[in-house]
Structure formats: C-alpha cells, structure tokens
Amino acid sequence: MIPETLKYSEHHEWVRKEADTAVVGISDFAQEQLGEVVYIDLPQVGDTLTAGEVMGSVESVKSISDLYAPVSGTVTEVNDALLDEPAKINEDTYNAGWMLKVTMSAPAEYDALLTAAEYEAKLD
C-alpha cells in the first residue's frame, strides 16, 4: 500500500512534510526491489542537498542503489538507528525506516513531487 499522505520522487524516495522540514525515506516498492538491506550511507547533519542529486546509497544482499535527494535543503537529523539496524527499512519503511530530515530551501520542490496516485501509476 502506498500512503496517500506522502509525496514521492521518480527515484522511489518518499517525503513527509512537517512545516518547513521534509522527512525522507524510500518507498515500500523500492525496499522490496532491493531485498534485505544490509548497509546504508547517508549524508551528515549540516550537509546541503540539491534535489535530484545523489545523497547517499543503500546496499542490499542483491545490489547497491543510489539515494537521490527529493528536495533541496540542509540535513537537520539523520536516523542513526539505521546505521546499526538497516533492516528497519525493510521492516517499517514509512515509520521506523525514515532516513533523514531536511529543512527545505525550496518548498515548491515538495509540491512538484508525485502524489501517491501518480507514483502508483508509474509503477504499473
């Protein structure tokens, strides 16, 4: 199921808006395609992200995939629990599996992301 309260990028990241902060993770579809996640490389607090550019990577037993910033801004928090337990992404990608929080520098980028229905249509 694709949560309707979130927005999605073409690269399978999800975004939950909390005021001027974007909480970012990968979609259930993405984690299913990856398989068991064994390692994650995330940006550091204070790093500046640019929408559409690589911000890290996720490694599974199958492959390594780049993570792309869905919005531009400054990283304010990283889910450090994933560094010790990356499998949380597989277990609960939309809650415990969130990856980072970003203070958005261009909030209009959030509005341009895909709705749940648009994202689901891309998967078909």
Protein backbone atom coordinates (compact mmCIF):
# COMPACT_ATOMS: atom_id res chain seq x y z
CA MET A 1 0.00 0.00 0.00
CA ILE A 2 1.22 3.46 -0.90
CA PRO A 3 0.42 6.02 1.84
CA GLU A 4 -1.61 8.88 0.37
CA THR A 5 -0.31 11.39 2.94
CA LEU A 6 3.20 11.28 1.45
CA LYS A 7 4.78 12.60 -1.76
CA TYR A 8 7.14 10.55 -3.92
CA SER A 9 10.10 11.09 -6.23
CA GLU A 10 10.79 9.40 -9.55
CA HIS A 11 13.67 7.61 -7.78
CA HIS A 12 11.34 5.98 -5.21
CA GLU A 13 12.02 8.23 -2.22
CA TRP A 14 9.06 9.33 -0.11
CA VAL A 15 8.67 12.68 1.63
CA ARG A 16 6.51 13.65 4.59
CA LYS A 17 6.23 17.41 5.10
CA GLU A 18 6.34 18.70 8.68
CA ALA A 19 6.19 22.53 8.48
CA ASP A 20 9.39 23.50 6.59
CA THR A 21 11.01 20.11 7.21
CA ALA A 22 10.94 17.14 4.85
CA VAL A 23 11.22 13.66 6.38
CA VAL A 24 12.71 11.35 3.73
CA GLY A 25 12.81 7.59 3.21
CA ILE A 26 12.47 5.05 0.42
CA SER A 27 9.18 3.58 -0.75
CA ASP A 28 7.94 0.11 0.03
CA PHE A 29 8.33 -0.71 -3.67
CA ALA A 30 12.00 0.30 -3.54
CA GLN A 31 12.78 -1.74 -0.43
CA GLU A 32 11.02 -4.77 -1.95
CA GLN A 33 13.09 -4.44 -5.13
CA LEU A 34 16.29 -4.15 -3.11
CA GLY A 35 15.66 -7.12 -0.85
CA GLU A 36 17.28 -7.33 2.57
CA VAL A 37 19.04 -4.03 3.32
CA VAL A 38 22.44 -4.64 4.94
CA TYR A 39 24.11 -1.18 4.84
CA ILE A 40 23.13 2.45 4.36
CA ASP A 41 25.27 5.51 3.60
CA LEU A 42 23.53 8.77 4.50
CA PRO A 43 24.59 12.42 4.44
CA GLN A 44 25.69 14.11 7.67
CA VAL A 45 23.78 16.69 9.71
CA GLY A 46 24.63 20.08 8.21
CA ASP A 47 25.13 18.76 4.67
CA THR A 48 23.38 20.66 1.89
CA LEU A 49 21.29 18.61 -0.54
CA THR A 50 20.22 19.52 -4.07
CA ALA A 51 17.03 17.94 -5.41
CA GLY A 52 17.75 15.20 -7.93
CA GLU A 53 21.38 14.71 -6.89
CA VAL A 54 22.81 11.64 -5.16
CA MET A 55 22.67 11.97 -1.36
CA GLY A 56 23.81 8.50 -0.34
CA SER A 57 23.35 4.83 -1.07
CA VAL A 58 21.65 1.73 0.20
CA GLU A 59 23.18 -1.71 -0.06
CA SER A 60 21.21 -4.93 -0.03
CA VAL A 61 22.11 -8.56 -0.46
CA LYS A 62 21.22 -8.06 -4.15
CA SER A 63 22.75 -4.71 -5.13
CA ILE A 64 23.82 -1.18 -4.24
CA SER A 65 21.50 1.66 -5.20
CA ASP A 66 21.98 5.40 -5.06
CA LEU A 67 19.64 7.53 -2.98
CA TYR A 68 18.55 10.82 -4.56
CA ALA A 69 17.54 13.96 -2.71
CA PRO A 70 13.85 14.58 -3.39
CA VAL A 71 14.12 18.20 -2.18
CA SER A 72 16.89 20.74 -1.68
CA GLY A 73 17.91 21.91 1.77
CA THR A 74 20.05 21.29 4.82
CA VAL A 75 20.13 17.96 6.67
CA THR A 76 18.98 18.57 10.24
CA GLU A 77 18.69 14.99 11.50
CA VAL A 78 19.76 11.52 10.42
CA ASN A 79 18.11 8.31 11.61
CA ASP A 80 21.22 6.88 13.29
CA ALA A 81 19.31 3.73 14.25
CA LEU A 82 19.51 2.66 10.60
CA LEU A 83 23.30 2.63 10.74
CA ASP A 84 23.13 -0.17 13.33
CA GLU A 85 19.94 -1.80 12.06
CA PRO A 86 19.48 -1.08 8.33
CA ALA A 87 16.87 -3.85 8.14
CA LYS A 88 14.41 -1.40 9.76
CA ILE A 89 14.00 -0.09 6.21
CA ASN A 90 12.56 -3.46 5.19
CA GLU A 91 10.51 -3.88 8.35
CA ASP A 92 8.85 -0.45 8.55
CA THR A 93 9.96 1.77 5.69
CA TYR A 94 7.36 4.51 6.28
CA ASN A 95 7.91 4.91 10.02
CA ALA A 96 10.97 3.48 11.80
CA GLY A 97 12.75 3.29 8.42
CA TRP A 98 12.81 7.06 7.77
CA MET A 99 16.30 8.16 6.74
CA LEU A 100 16.75 11.87 7.30
CA LYS A 101 15.13 15.22 7.92
CA VAL A 102 15.85 18.21 5.72
CA THR A 103 14.98 21.88 6.22
CA MET A 104 13.74 22.70 2.74
CA SER A 105 15.35 25.63 0.95
CA ALA A 106 12.86 25.48 -1.95
CA PRO A 107 9.47 24.30 -0.60
CA ALA A 108 7.97 24.41 -4.11
CA GLU A 109 10.03 21.30 -4.89
CA TYR A 110 7.86 19.39 -2.43
CA ASP A 111 4.73 20.47 -4.29
CA ALA A 112 6.24 19.20 -7.55
CA LEU A 113 6.73 15.66 -6.21
CA LEU A 114 4.36 12.88 -7.23
CA THR A 115 1.15 12.19 -5.34
CA ALA A 116 0.50 8.61 -4.21
CA ALA A 117 -1.79 8.05 -7.22
CA GLU A 118 0.79 9.46 -9.64
CA TYR A 119 3.53 7.35 -8.10
CA GLU A 120 1.40 4.20 -8.20
CA ALA A 121 0.63 4.84 -11.89
CA LYS A 122 4.39 4.96 -12.61
CA LEU A 123 4.80 1.53 -11.01
CA ASP A 124 2.19 -0.14 -13.24
